[in-house]
Amino acid sequence: QVQLVESGGGLVQPGGSLRLSCAASGSIFNILAMGWYRQAPGKQRELVATITSGGYTNYADSVKGRFAISRDNAKKSVYLQMNSLKPEDTAVYYCKLNDIGAPTGAYWGQGTQVTVSS
């Protein structure tokens, strides 16, 4: 059974930094990509950043220049360094892993709350 465990969320002041981590375990066949999504109250879940197994990255326009995604393929982990945080970054952040062997094509974490407030 595949499980994604997220950590690093919490309360931070505007302009502060936070680093999210996500570690996958279980029978993973072939990782195509890993990424982070977020969902704020009353809004749709949206892409934050993705990274392929080869290291190619993609970011939402709203976080470009502020966030950085990285991964460790050997550890099956993905990270999100968040700098210059804004109140509008407040959301539940979800880890996603795209795997060829996943019944639905991808696995999702339970989510971790990030709150940016003074």
PDB file of N, CA and C in Angstrom:
ATOM      1  N   GLN A   1       0.842  -1.179   0.000  1.00  0.00           N
ATOM      2  CA  GLN A   1       0.000   0.000   0.000  1.00  0.00           C
ATOM      3  C   GLN A   1       0.888   1.243   0.000  1.00  0.00           C
ATOM      4  N   VAL A   2       0.614   2.178  -0.885  1.00  0.00           N
ATOM      5  CA  VAL A   2       1.395   3.397  -1.001  1.00  0.00           C
ATOM      6  C   VAL A   2       0.849   4.458  -0.063  1.00  0.00           C
ATOM      7  N   GLN A   3       1.752   5.121   0.620  1.00  0.00           N
ATOM      8  CA  GLN A   3       1.368   6.172   1.540  1.00  0.00           C
ATOM      9  C   GLN A   3       2.286   7.372   1.371  1.00  0.00           C
ATOM     10  N   LEU A   4       1.712   8.567   1.397  1.00  0.00           N
ATOM     11  CA  LEU A   4       2.466   9.802   1.349  1.00  0.00           C
ATOM     12  C   LEU A   4       2.319  10.501   2.691  1.00  0.00           C
ATOM     13  N   VAL A   5       3.447  10.797   3.314  1.00  0.00           N
ATOM     14  CA  VAL A   5       3.455  11.444   4.623  1.00  0.00           C
ATOM     15  C   VAL A   5       4.026  12.843   4.482  1.00  0.00           C
ATOM     16  N   GLU A   6       3.218  13.840   4.817  1.00  0.00           N
ATOM     17  CA  GLU A   6       3.602  15.233   4.693  1.00  0.00           C
ATOM     18  C   GLU A   6       3.951  15.821   6.053  1.00  0.00           C
ATOM     19  N   SER A   7       4.836  16.812   6.035  1.00  0.00           N
ATOM     20  CA  SER A   7       5.213  17.498   7.256  1.00  0.00           C
ATOM     21  C   SER A   7       5.726  18.897   6.918  1.00  0.00           C
ATOM     22  N   GLY A   8       5.810  19.745   7.922  1.00  0.00           N
ATOM     23  CA  GLY A   8       6.372  21.072   7.749  1.00  0.00           C
ATOM     24  C   GLY A   8       5.383  22.215   7.751  1.00  0.00           C
ATOM     25  N   GLY A   9       4.108  21.918   7.745  1.00  0.00           N
ATOM     26  CA  GLY A   9       3.113  22.972   7.761  1.00  0.00           C
ATOM     27  C   GLY A   9       3.040  23.650   9.115  1.00  0.00           C
ATOM     28  N   GLY A  10       2.359  24.791   9.143  1.00  0.00           N
ATOM     29  CA  GLY A  10       2.219  25.515  10.394  1.00  0.00           C
ATOM     30  C   GLY A  10       1.853  26.958  10.180  1.00  0.00           C
ATOM     31  N   LEU A  11       2.009  27.741  11.240  1.00  0.00           N
ATOM     32  CA  LEU A  11       1.704  29.166  11.216  1.00  0.00           C
ATOM     33  C   LEU A  11       2.980  29.969  11.036  1.00  0.00           C
ATOM     34  N   VAL A  12       2.955  30.902  10.098  1.00  0.00           N
ATOM     35  CA  VAL A  12       4.115  31.735   9.831  1.00  0.00           C
ATOM     36  C   VAL A  12       3.660  33.159   9.520  1.00  0.00           C
ATOM     37  N   GLN A  13       4.486  34.137   9.856  1.00  0.00           N
ATOM     38  CA  GLN A  13       4.164  35.531   9.585  1.00  0.00           C
ATOM     39  C   GLN A  13       4.417  35.891   8.128  1.00  0.00           C
ATOM     40  N   PRO A  14       3.708  36.885   7.600  1.00  0.00           N
ATOM     41  CA  PRO A  14       3.970  37.330   6.232  1.00  0.00           C
ATOM     42  C   PRO A  14       5.440  37.672   6.044  1.00  0.00           C
ATOM     43  N   GLY A  15       5.991  37.240   4.911  1.00  0.00           N
ATOM     44  CA  GLY A  15       7.400  37.448   4.638  1.00  0.00           C
ATOM     45  C   GLY A  15       8.289  36.344   5.149  1.00  0.00           C
ATOM     46  N   GLY A  16       7.731  35.447   5.925  1.00  0.00           N
ATOM     47  CA  GLY A  16       8.492  34.353   6.485  1.00  0.00           C
ATOM     48  C   GLY A  16       8.664  33.196   5.522  1.00  0.00           C
ATOM     49  N   SER A  17       9.296  32.144   6.010  1.00  0.00           N
ATOM     50  CA  SER A  17       9.586  30.973   5.195  1.00  0.00           C
ATOM     51  C   SER A  17       9.110  29.699   5.873  1.00  0.00           C
ATOM     52  N   LEU A  18       8.877  28.706   5.050  1.00  0.00           N
ATOM     53  CA  LEU A  18       8.436  27.410   5.532  1.00  0.00           C
ATOM     54  C   LEU A  18       8.899  26.364   4.525  1.00  0.00           C
ATOM     55  N   ARG A  19       9.217  25.178   5.002  1.00  0.00           N
ATOM     56  CA  ARG A  19       9.636  24.099   4.110  1.00  0.00           C
ATOM     57  C   ARG A  19       8.769  22.868   4.346  1.00  0.00           C
ATOM     58  N   LEU A  20       8.100  22.437   3.298  1.00  0.00           N
ATOM     59  CA  LEU A  20       7.252  21.261   3.361  1.00  0.00           C
ATOM     60  C   LEU A  20       7.999  20.042   2.848  1.00  0.00           C
ATOM     61  N   SER A  21       7.720  18.901   3.458  1.00  0.00           N
ATOM     62  CA  SER A  21       8.338  17.652   3.042  1.00  0.00           C
ATOM     63  C   SER A  21       7.259  16.603   2.821  1.00  0.00           C
ATOM     64  N   CYS A  22       7.521  15.704   1.892  1.00  0.00           N
ATOM     65  CA  CYS A  22       6.611  14.611   1.612  1.00  0.00           C
ATOM     66  C   CYS A  22       7.427  13.376   1.266  1.00  0.00           C
ATOM     67  N   ALA A  23       7.214  12.318   2.006  1.00  0.00           N
ATOM     68  CA  ALA A  23       7.923  11.067   1.778  1.00  0.00           C
ATOM     69  C   ALA A  23       6.940   9.969   1.399  1.00  0.00           C
ATOM     70  N   ALA A  24       7.241   9.263   0.327  1.00  0.00           N
ATOM     71  CA  ALA A  24       6.390   8.181  -0.141  1.00  0.00           C
ATOM     72  C   ALA A  24       6.958   6.832   0.274  1.00  0.00           C
ATOM     73  N   SER A  25       6.068   5.911   0.563  1.00  0.00           N
ATOM     74  CA  SER A  25       6.477   4.561   0.905  1.00  0.00           C
ATOM     75  C   SER A  25       5.497   3.572   0.292  1.00  0.00           C
ATOM     76  N   GLY A  26       5.940   2.327   0.142  1.00  0.00           N
ATOM     77  CA  GLY A  26       5.098   1.301  -0.438  1.00  0.00           C
ATOM     78  C   GLY A  26       5.558   0.883  -1.820  1.00  0.00           C
ATOM     79  N   SER A  27       4.698   0.177  -2.519  1.00  0.00           N
ATOM     80  CA  SER A  27       5.021  -0.372  -3.832  1.00  0.00           C
ATOM     81  C   SER A  27       4.760   0.648  -4.932  1.00  0.00           C
ATOM     82  N   ILE A  28       5.798   1.400  -5.239  1.00  0.00           N
ATOM     83  CA  ILE A  28       5.734   2.384  -6.313  1.00  0.00           C
ATOM     84  C   ILE A  28       6.455   1.817  -7.529  1.00  0.00           C
ATOM     85  N   PHE A  29       5.778   1.798  -8.660  1.00  0.00           N
ATOM     86  CA  PHE A  29       6.327   1.170  -9.856  1.00  0.00           C
ATOM     87  C   PHE A  29       7.252   2.077 -10.655  1.00  0.00           C
ATOM     88  N   ASN A  30       6.746   3.214 -11.020  1.00  0.00           N
ATOM     89  CA  ASN A  30       7.514   4.127 -11.867  1.00  0.00           C
ATOM     90  C   ASN A  30       7.018   5.553 -11.650  1.00  0.00           C
ATOM     91  N   ILE A  31       7.794   6.339 -10.933  1.00  0.00           N
ATOM     92  CA  ILE A  31       7.423   7.712 -10.644  1.00  0.00           C
ATOM     93  C   ILE A  31       7.616   8.582 -11.879  1.00  0.00           C
ATOM     94  N   LEU A  32       6.544   9.198 -12.321  1.00  0.00           N
ATOM     95  CA  LEU A  32       6.606  10.108 -13.454  1.00  0.00           C
ATOM     96  C   LEU A  32       6.874  11.540 -12.993  1.00  0.00           C
ATOM     97  N   ALA A  33       6.223  11.917 -11.905  1.00  0.00           N
ATOM     98  CA  ALA A  33       6.378  13.265 -11.385  1.00  0.00           C
ATOM     99  C   ALA A  33       5.868  13.328  -9.957  1.00  0.00           C
ATOM    100  N   MET A  34       6.302  14.343  -9.239  1.00  0.00           N
ATOM    101  CA  MET A  34       5.813  14.618  -7.903  1.00  0.00           C
ATOM    102  C   MET A  34       5.491  16.100  -7.831  1.00  0.00           C
ATOM    103  N   GLY A  35       4.594  16.451  -6.943  1.00  0.00           N
ATOM    104  CA  GLY A  35       4.252  17.852  -6.886  1.00  0.00           C
ATOM    105  C   GLY A  35       3.466  18.247  -5.663  1.00  0.00           C
ATOM    106  N   TRP A  36       3.187  19.533  -5.610  1.00  0.00           N
ATOM    107  CA  TRP A  36       2.415  20.116  -4.527  1.00  0.00           C
ATOM    108  C   TRP A  36       1.227  20.879  -5.083  1.00  0.00           C
ATOM    109  N   TYR A  37       0.085  20.683  -4.466  1.00  0.00           N
ATOM    110  CA  TYR A  37      -1.131  21.403  -4.788  1.00  0.00           C
ATOM    111  C   TYR A  37      -1.647  22.038  -3.507  1.00  0.00           C
ATOM    112  N   ARG A  38      -2.519  23.019  -3.642  1.00  0.00           N
ATOM    113  CA  ARG A  38      -3.087  23.643  -2.454  1.00  0.00           C
ATOM    114  C   ARG A  38      -4.545  23.995  -2.683  1.00  0.00           C
ATOM    115  N   GLN A  39      -5.270  24.072  -1.581  1.00  0.00           N
ATOM    116  CA  GLN A  39      -6.679  24.413  -1.644  1.00  0.00           C
ATOM    117  C   GLN A  39      -7.032  25.340  -0.487  1.00  0.00           C
ATOM    118  N   ALA A  40      -7.453  26.535  -0.829  1.00  0.00           N
ATOM    119  CA  ALA A  40      -7.894  27.512   0.157  1.00  0.00           C
ATOM    120  C   ALA A  40      -9.401  27.373   0.352  1.00  0.00           C
ATOM    121  N   PRO A  41      -9.922  27.833   1.495  1.00  0.00           N
ATOM    122  CA  PRO A  41     -11.362  27.742   1.748  1.00  0.00           C
ATOM    123  C   PRO A  41     -12.178  28.394   0.637  1.00  0.00           C
ATOM    124  N   GLY A  42     -13.160  27.662   0.117  1.00  0.00           N
ATOM    125  CA  GLY A  42     -14.027  28.190  -0.919  1.00  0.00           C
ATOM    126  C   GLY A  42     -13.433  28.210  -2.309  1.00  0.00           C
ATOM    127  N   LYS A  43     -12.244  27.665  -2.475  1.00  0.00           N
ATOM    128  CA  LYS A  43     -11.591  27.673  -3.778  1.00  0.00           C
ATOM    129  C   LYS A  43     -11.264  26.258  -4.246  1.00  0.00           C
ATOM    130  N   GLN A  44     -11.003  26.136  -5.539  1.00  0.00           N
ATOM    131  CA  GLN A  44     -10.623  24.856  -6.124  1.00  0.00           C
ATOM    132  C   GLN A  44      -9.177  24.527  -5.781  1.00  0.00           C
ATOM    133  N   ARG A  45      -8.885  23.242  -5.750  1.00  0.00           N
ATOM    134  CA  ARG A  45      -7.509  22.827  -5.555  1.00  0.00           C
ATOM    135  C   ARG A  45      -6.696  23.239  -6.789  1.00  0.00           C
ATOM    136  N   GLU A  46      -5.534  23.824  -6.557  1.00  0.00           N
ATOM    137  CA  GLU A  46      -4.733  24.323  -7.648  1.00  0.00           C
ATOM    138  C   GLU A  46      -3.291  23.833  -7.566  1.00  0.00           C
ATOM    139  N   LEU A  47      -2.664  23.758  -8.709  1.00  0.00           N
ATOM    140  CA  LEU A  47      -1.267  23.360  -8.786  1.00  0.00           C
ATOM    141  C   LEU A  47      -0.374  24.445  -8.213  1.00  0.00           C
ATOM    142  N   VAL A  48       0.603  24.037  -7.432  1.00  0.00           N
ATOM    143  CA  VAL A  48       1.608  24.953  -6.903  1.00  0.00           C
ATOM    144  C   VAL A  48       2.923  24.750  -7.644  1.00  0.00           C
ATOM    145  N   ALA A  49       3.407  23.522  -7.646  1.00  0.00           N
ATOM    146  CA  ALA A  49       4.661  23.202  -8.313  1.00  0.00           C
ATOM    147  C   ALA A  49       4.746  21.709  -8.566  1.00  0.00           C
ATOM    148  N   THR A  50       5.398  21.337  -9.652  1.00  0.00           N
ATOM    149  CA  THR A  50       5.637  19.934  -9.962  1.00  0.00           C
ATOM    150  C   THR A  50       7.086  19.751 -10.381  1.00  0.00           C
ATOM    151  N   ILE A  51       7.557  18.527 -10.239  1.00  0.00           N
ATOM    152  CA  ILE A  51       8.912  18.191 -10.652  1.00  0.00           C
ATOM    153  C   ILE A  51       8.920  16.762 -11.165  1.00  0.00           C
ATOM    154  N   THR A  52       9.550  16.544 -12.309  1.00  0.00           N
ATOM    155  CA  THR A  52       9.638  15.209 -12.874  1.00  0.00           C
ATOM    156  C   THR A  52      10.782  14.454 -12.220  1.00  0.00           C
ATOM    157  N   SER A  53      10.828  13.157 -12.487  1.00  0.00           N
ATOM    158  CA  SER A  53      11.907  12.342 -11.943  1.00  0.00           C
ATOM    159  C   SER A  53      13.263  12.790 -12.476  1.00  0.00           C
ATOM    160  N   GLY A  54      13.262  13.480 -13.611  1.00  0.00           N
ATOM    161  CA  GLY A  54      14.489  13.993 -14.188  1.00  0.00           C
ATOM    162  C   GLY A  54      14.880  15.368 -13.687  1.00  0.00           C
ATOM    163  N   GLY A  55      14.011  15.979 -12.866  1.00  0.00           N
ATOM    164  CA  GLY A  55      14.338  17.259 -12.275  1.00  0.00           C
ATOM    165  C   GLY A  55      13.742  18.480 -12.957  1.00  0.00           C
ATOM    166  N   TYR A  56      12.913  18.295 -13.958  1.00  0.00           N
ATOM    167  CA  TYR A  56      12.274  19.428 -14.618  1.00  0.00           C
ATOM    168  C   TYR A  56      11.134  19.958 -13.767  1.00  0.00           C
ATOM    169  N   THR A  57      11.059  21.269 -13.628  1.00  0.00           N
ATOM    170  CA  THR A  57      10.088  21.884 -12.729  1.00  0.00           C
ATOM    171  C   THR A  57       9.078  22.760 -13.449  1.00  0.00           C
ATOM    172  N   ASN A  58       7.939  22.935 -12.791  1.00  0.00           N
ATOM    173  CA  ASN A  58       6.886  23.815 -13.276  1.00  0.00           C
ATOM    174  C   ASN A  58       6.228  24.462 -12.068  1.00  0.00           C
ATOM    175  N   TYR A  59       5.963  25.777 -12.171  1.00  0.00           N
ATOM    176  CA  TYR A  59       5.391  26.516 -11.054  1.00  0.00           C
ATOM    177  C   TYR A  59       4.164  27.305 -11.475  1.00  0.00           C
ATOM    178  N   ALA A  60       3.251  27.469 -10.536  1.00  0.00           N
ATOM    179  CA  ALA A  60       2.151  28.389 -10.745  1.00  0.00           C
ATOM    180  C   ALA A  60       2.707  29.805 -10.796  1.00  0.00           C
ATOM    181  N   ASP A  61       2.092  30.657 -11.605  1.00  0.00           N
ATOM    182  CA  ASP A  61       2.571  32.029 -11.732  1.00  0.00           C
ATOM    183  C   ASP A  61       2.605  32.756 -10.388  1.00  0.00           C
ATOM    184  N   SER A  62       1.678  32.438  -9.521  1.00  0.00           N
ATOM    185  CA  SER A  62       1.563  33.127  -8.245  1.00  0.00           C
ATOM    186  C   SER A  62       2.707  32.836  -7.275  1.00  0.00           C
ATOM    187  N   VAL A  63       3.472  31.779  -7.535  1.00  0.00           N
ATOM    188  CA  VAL A  63       4.547  31.417  -6.610  1.00  0.00           C
ATOM    189  C   VAL A  63       5.927  31.473  -7.247  1.00  0.00           C
ATOM    190  N   LYS A  64       6.003  31.777  -8.524  1.00  0.00           N
ATOM    191  CA  LYS A  64       7.293  31.847  -9.204  1.00  0.00           C
ATOM    192  C   LYS A  64       8.205  32.876  -8.543  1.00  0.00           C
ATOM    193  N   GLY A  65       9.430  32.473  -8.309  1.00  0.00           N
ATOM    194  CA  GLY A  65      10.396  33.347  -7.681  1.00  0.00           C
ATOM    195  C   GLY A  65      10.371  33.305  -6.174  1.00  0.00           C
ATOM    196  N   ARG A  66       9.339  32.712  -5.598  1.00  0.00           N
ATOM    197  CA  ARG A  66       9.209  32.628  -4.145  1.00  0.00           C
ATOM    198  C   ARG A  66       9.322  31.201  -3.622  1.00  0.00           C
ATOM    199  N   PHE A  67       8.794  30.258  -4.386  1.00  0.00           N
ATOM    200  CA  PHE A  67       8.811  28.856  -3.974  1.00  0.00           C
ATOM    201  C   PHE A  67       9.806  28.070  -4.814  1.00  0.00           C
ATOM    202  N   ALA A  68      10.328  27.004  -4.251  1.00  0.00           N
ATOM    203  CA  ALA A  68      11.233  26.123  -4.971  1.00  0.00           C
ATOM    204  C   ALA A  68      10.927  24.668  -4.619  1.00  0.00           C
ATOM    205  N   ILE A  69      10.711  23.863  -5.641  1.00  0.00           N
ATOM    206  CA  ILE A  69      10.429  22.456  -5.432  1.00  0.00           C
ATOM    207  C   ILE A  69      11.692  21.641  -5.711  1.00  0.00           C
ATOM    208  N   SER A  70      11.888  20.607  -4.941  1.00  0.00           N
ATOM    209  CA  SER A  70      13.025  19.723  -5.137  1.00  0.00           C
ATOM    210  C   SER A  70      12.615  18.303  -4.774  1.00  0.00           C
ATOM    211  N   ARG A  71      13.447  17.357  -5.162  1.00  0.00           N
ATOM    212  CA  ARG A  71      13.103  15.966  -4.865  1.00  0.00           C
ATOM    213  C   ARG A  71      14.345  15.122  -4.647  1.00  0.00           C
ATOM    214  N   ASP A  72      14.147  13.984  -4.034  1.00  0.00           N
ATOM    215  CA  ASP A  72      15.181  12.990  -3.852  1.00  0.00           C
ATOM    216  C   ASP A  72      14.577  11.679  -4.332  1.00  0.00           C
ATOM    217  N   ASN A  73      14.919  11.285  -5.543  1.00  0.00           N
ATOM    218  CA  ASN A  73      14.323  10.089  -6.138  1.00  0.00           C
ATOM    219  C   ASN A  73      14.627   8.823  -5.334  1.00  0.00           C
ATOM    220  N   ALA A  74      15.832   8.731  -4.812  1.00  0.00           N
ATOM    221  CA  ALA A  74      16.212   7.560  -4.032  1.00  0.00           C
ATOM    222  C   ALA A  74      15.358   7.426  -2.780  1.00  0.00           C
ATOM    223  N   LYS A  75      15.041   8.553  -2.161  1.00  0.00           N
ATOM    224  CA  LYS A  75      14.223   8.556  -0.953  1.00  0.00           C
ATOM    225  C   LYS A  75      12.743   8.673  -1.255  1.00  0.00           C
ATOM    226  N   LYS A  76      12.408   8.814  -2.538  1.00  0.00           N
ATOM    227  CA  LYS A  76      11.016   8.980  -2.964  1.00  0.00           C
ATOM    228  C   LYS A  76      10.356  10.108  -2.185  1.00  0.00           C
ATOM    229  N   SER A  77      11.058  11.226  -2.127  1.00  0.00           N
ATOM    230  CA  SER A  77      10.591  12.382  -1.374  1.00  0.00           C
ATOM    231  C   SER A  77      10.565  13.628  -2.243  1.00  0.00           C
ATOM    232  N   VAL A  78       9.689  14.546  -1.881  1.00  0.00           N
ATOM    233  CA  VAL A  78       9.598  15.822  -2.562  1.00  0.00           C
ATOM    234  C   VAL A  78       9.474  16.915  -1.515  1.00  0.00           C
ATOM    235  N   TYR A  79      10.054  18.087  -1.812  1.00  0.00           N
ATOM    236  CA  TYR A  79      10.090  19.175  -0.860  1.00  0.00           C
ATOM    237  C   TYR A  79       9.605  20.466  -1.515  1.00  0.00           C
ATOM    238  N   LEU A  80       9.123  21.366  -0.705  1.00  0.00           N
ATOM    239  CA  LEU A  80       8.696  22.672  -1.191  1.00  0.00           C
ATOM    240  C   LEU A  80       9.210  23.740  -0.240  1.00  0.00           C
ATOM    241  N   GLN A  81      10.198  24.502  -0.699  1.00  0.00           N
ATOM    242  CA  GLN A  81      10.717  25.623   0.066  1.00  0.00           C
ATOM    243  C   GLN A  81       9.894  26.851  -0.276  1.00  0.00           C
ATOM    244  N   MET A  82       9.257  27.438   0.721  1.00  0.00           N
ATOM    245  CA  MET A  82       8.385  28.580   0.515  1.00  0.00           C
ATOM    246  C   MET A  82       8.972  29.803   1.209  1.00  0.00           C
ATOM    247  N   ASN A  83       9.307  30.815   0.423  1.00  0.00           N
ATOM    248  CA  ASN A  83       9.869  32.050   0.940  1.00  0.00           C
ATOM    249  C   ASN A  83       8.938  33.219   0.630  1.00  0.00           C
ATOM    250  N   SER A  84       9.153  34.321   1.331  1.00  0.00           N
ATOM    251  CA  SER A  84       8.351  35.532   1.128  1.00  0.00           C
ATOM    252  C   SER A  84       6.861  35.217   1.135  1.00  0.00           C
ATOM    253  N   LEU A  85       6.443  34.472   2.121  1.00  0.00           N
ATOM    254  CA  LEU A  85       5.058  34.022   2.190  1.00  0.00           C
ATOM    255  C   LEU A  85       4.082  35.181   2.361  1.00  0.00           C
ATOM    256  N   LYS A  86       2.939  35.038   1.719  1.00  0.00           N
ATOM    257  CA  LYS A  86       1.880  36.030   1.752  1.00  0.00           C
ATOM    258  C   LYS A  86       0.620  35.425   2.357  1.00  0.00           C
ATOM    259  N   PRO A  87      -0.271  36.258   2.889  1.00  0.00           N
ATOM    260  CA  PRO A  87      -1.524  35.729   3.431  1.00  0.00           C
ATOM    261  C   PRO A  87      -2.301  34.892   2.418  1.00  0.00           C
ATOM    262  N   GLU A  88      -2.229  35.242   1.142  1.00  0.00           N
ATOM    263  CA  GLU A  88      -2.938  34.495   0.117  1.00  0.00           C
ATOM    264  C   GLU A  88      -2.353  33.112  -0.141  1.00  0.00           C
ATOM    265  N   ASP A  89      -1.210  32.817   0.461  1.00  0.00           N
ATOM    266  CA  ASP A  89      -0.639  31.476   0.376  1.00  0.00           C
ATOM    267  C   ASP A  89      -1.295  30.527   1.372  1.00  0.00           C
ATOM    268  N   THR A  90      -2.107  31.064   2.255  1.00  0.00           N
ATOM    269  CA  THR A  90      -2.785  30.251   3.252  1.00  0.00           C
ATOM    270  C   THR A  90      -3.685  29.219   2.575  1.00  0.00           C
ATOM    271  N   ALA A  91      -3.464  27.957   2.893  1.00  0.00           N
ATOM    272  CA  ALA A  91      -4.224  26.876   2.282  1.00  0.00           C
ATOM    273  C   ALA A  91      -3.777  25.550   2.876  1.00  0.00           C
ATOM    274  N   VAL A  92      -4.503  24.504   2.534  1.00  0.00           N
ATOM    275  CA  VAL A  92      -4.050  23.158   2.826  1.00  0.00           C
ATOM    276  C   VAL A  92      -3.210  22.712   1.635  1.00  0.00           C
ATOM    277  N   TYR A  93      -2.003  22.285   1.903  1.00  0.00           N
ATOM    278  CA  TYR A  93      -1.089  21.870   0.849  1.00  0.00           C
ATOM    279  C   TYR A  93      -1.047  20.347   0.768  1.00  0.00           C
ATOM    280  N   TYR A  94      -1.223  19.829  -0.449  1.00  0.00           N
ATOM    281  CA  TYR A  94      -1.271  18.398  -0.677  1.00  0.00           C
ATOM    282  C   TYR A  94      -0.104  17.928  -1.537  1.00  0.00           C
ATOM    283  N   CYS A  95       0.482  16.834  -1.149  1.00  0.00           N
ATOM    284  CA  CYS A  95       1.531  16.195  -1.922  1.00  0.00           C
ATOM    285  C   CYS A  95       0.909  15.230  -2.925  1.00  0.00           C
ATOM    286  N   LYS A  96       1.454  15.189  -4.132  1.00  0.00           N
ATOM    287  CA  LYS A  96       0.960  14.295  -5.182  1.00  0.00           C
ATOM    288  C   LYS A  96       2.111  13.548  -5.828  1.00  0.00           C
ATOM    289  N   LEU A  97       1.876  12.277  -6.089  1.00  0.00           N
ATOM    290  CA  LEU A  97       2.867  11.441  -6.753  1.00  0.00           C
ATOM    291  C   LEU A  97       2.211  10.738  -7.934  1.00  0.00           C
ATOM    292  N   ASN A  98       2.709  11.002  -9.127  1.00  0.00           N
ATOM    293  CA  ASN A  98       2.211  10.342 -10.328  1.00  0.00           C
ATOM    294  C   ASN A  98       3.011   9.077 -10.571  1.00  0.00           C
ATOM    295  N   ASP A  99       2.311   7.956 -10.585  1.00  0.00           N
ATOM    296  CA  ASP A  99       2.950   6.657 -10.705  1.00  0.00           C
ATOM    297  C   ASP A  99       2.227   5.821 -11.754  1.00  0.00           C
ATOM    298  N   ILE A 100       3.006   5.181 -12.633  1.00  0.00           N
ATOM    299  CA  ILE A 100       2.429   4.329 -13.667  1.00  0.00           C
ATOM    300  C   ILE A 100       1.553   3.233 -13.070  1.00  0.00           C
ATOM    301  N   GLY A 101       1.945   2.727 -11.906  1.00  0.00           N
ATOM    302  CA  GLY A 101       1.226   1.632 -11.287  1.00  0.00           C
ATOM    303  C   GLY A 101       0.055   2.023 -10.405  1.00  0.00           C
ATOM    304  N   ALA A 102      -0.164   3.300 -10.215  1.00  0.00           N
ATOM    305  CA  ALA A 102      -1.277   3.747  -9.382  1.00  0.00           C
ATOM    306  C   ALA A 102      -2.601   3.475 -10.075  1.00  0.00           C
ATOM    307  N   PRO A 103      -3.575   2.897  -9.355  1.00  0.00           N
ATOM    308  CA  PRO A 103      -4.884   2.591  -9.964  1.00  0.00           C
ATOM    309  C   PRO A 103      -5.529   3.786 -10.647  1.00  0.00           C
ATOM    310  N   THR A 104      -5.397   4.969 -10.071  1.00  0.00           N
ATOM    311  CA  THR A 104      -5.966   6.177 -10.652  1.00  0.00           C
ATOM    312  C   THR A 104      -4.906   7.067 -11.280  1.00  0.00           C
ATOM    313  N   GLY A 105      -3.688   6.578 -11.365  1.00  0.00           N
ATOM    314  CA  GLY A 105      -2.610   7.334 -11.964  1.00  0.00           C
ATOM    315  C   GLY A 105      -1.785   8.146 -10.993  1.00  0.00           C
ATOM    316  N   ALA A 106      -2.323   8.382  -9.801  1.00  0.00           N
ATOM    317  CA  ALA A 106      -1.614   9.206  -8.840  1.00  0.00           C
ATOM    318  C   ALA A 106      -2.037   8.888  -7.418  1.00  0.00           C
ATOM    319  N   TYR A 107      -1.146   9.200  -6.485  1.00  0.00           N
ATOM    320  CA  TYR A 107      -1.438   9.088  -5.066  1.00  0.00           C
ATOM    321  C   TYR A 107      -1.409  10.481  -4.453  1.00  0.00           C
ATOM    322  N   TRP A 108      -2.225  10.682  -3.446  1.00  0.00           N
ATOM    323  CA  TRP A 108      -2.312  11.969  -2.759  1.00  0.00           C
ATOM    324  C   TRP A 108      -2.044  11.822  -1.273  1.00  0.00           C
ATOM    325  N   GLY A 109      -1.422  12.839  -0.700  1.00  0.00           N
ATOM    326  CA  GLY A 109      -1.239  12.886   0.736  1.00  0.00           C
ATOM    327  C   GLY A 109      -2.482  13.424   1.413  1.00  0.00           C
ATOM    328  N   GLN A 110      -2.464  13.429   2.739  1.00  0.00           N
ATOM    329  CA  GLN A 110      -3.614  13.892   3.505  1.00  0.00           C
ATOM    330  C   GLN A 110      -3.707  15.413   3.568  1.00  0.00           C
ATOM    331  N   GLY A 111      -2.609  16.089   3.299  1.00  0.00           N
ATOM    332  CA  GLY A 111      -2.590  17.534   3.331  1.00  0.00           C
ATOM    333  C   GLY A 111      -2.032  18.076   4.629  1.00  0.00           C
ATOM    334  N   THR A 112      -1.400  19.232   4.552  1.00  0.00           N
ATOM    335  CA  THR A 112      -0.872  19.906   5.727  1.00  0.00           C
ATOM    336  C   THR A 112      -1.240  21.385   5.659  1.00  0.00           C
ATOM    337  N   GLN A 113      -1.698  21.923   6.768  1.00  0.00           N
ATOM    338  CA  GLN A 113      -2.175  23.301   6.808  1.00  0.00           C
ATOM    339  C   GLN A 113      -1.023  24.290   6.873  1.00  0.00           C
ATOM    340  N   VAL A 114      -1.078  25.284   6.000  1.00  0.00           N
ATOM    341  CA  VAL A 114      -0.145  26.407   6.024  1.00  0.00           C
ATOM    342  C   VAL A 114      -0.955  27.677   6.228  1.00  0.00           C
ATOM    343  N   THR A 115      -0.655  28.397   7.287  1.00  0.00           N
ATOM    344  CA  THR A 115      -1.361  29.631   7.591  1.00  0.00           C
ATOM    345  C   THR A 115      -0.365  30.774   7.677  1.00  0.00           C
ATOM    346  N   VAL A 116      -0.571  31.793   6.858  1.00  0.00           N
ATOM    347  CA  VAL A 116       0.293  32.966   6.838  1.00  0.00           C
ATOM    348  C   VAL A 116      -0.504  34.129   7.409  1.00  0.00           C
ATOM    349  N   SER A 117      -0.132  34.563   8.592  1.00  0.00           N
ATOM    350  CA  SER A 117      -0.878  35.611   9.276  1.00  0.00           C
ATOM    351  C   SER A 117       0.007  36.311  10.295  1.00  0.00           C
ATOM    352  N   SER A 118      -0.268  37.590  10.506  1.00  0.00           N
ATOM    353  CA  SER A 118       0.443  38.350  11.511  1.00  0.00           C
ATOM    354  C   SER A 118      -0.277  38.334  12.841  1.00  0.00           C
TER     355      SER A 118
END
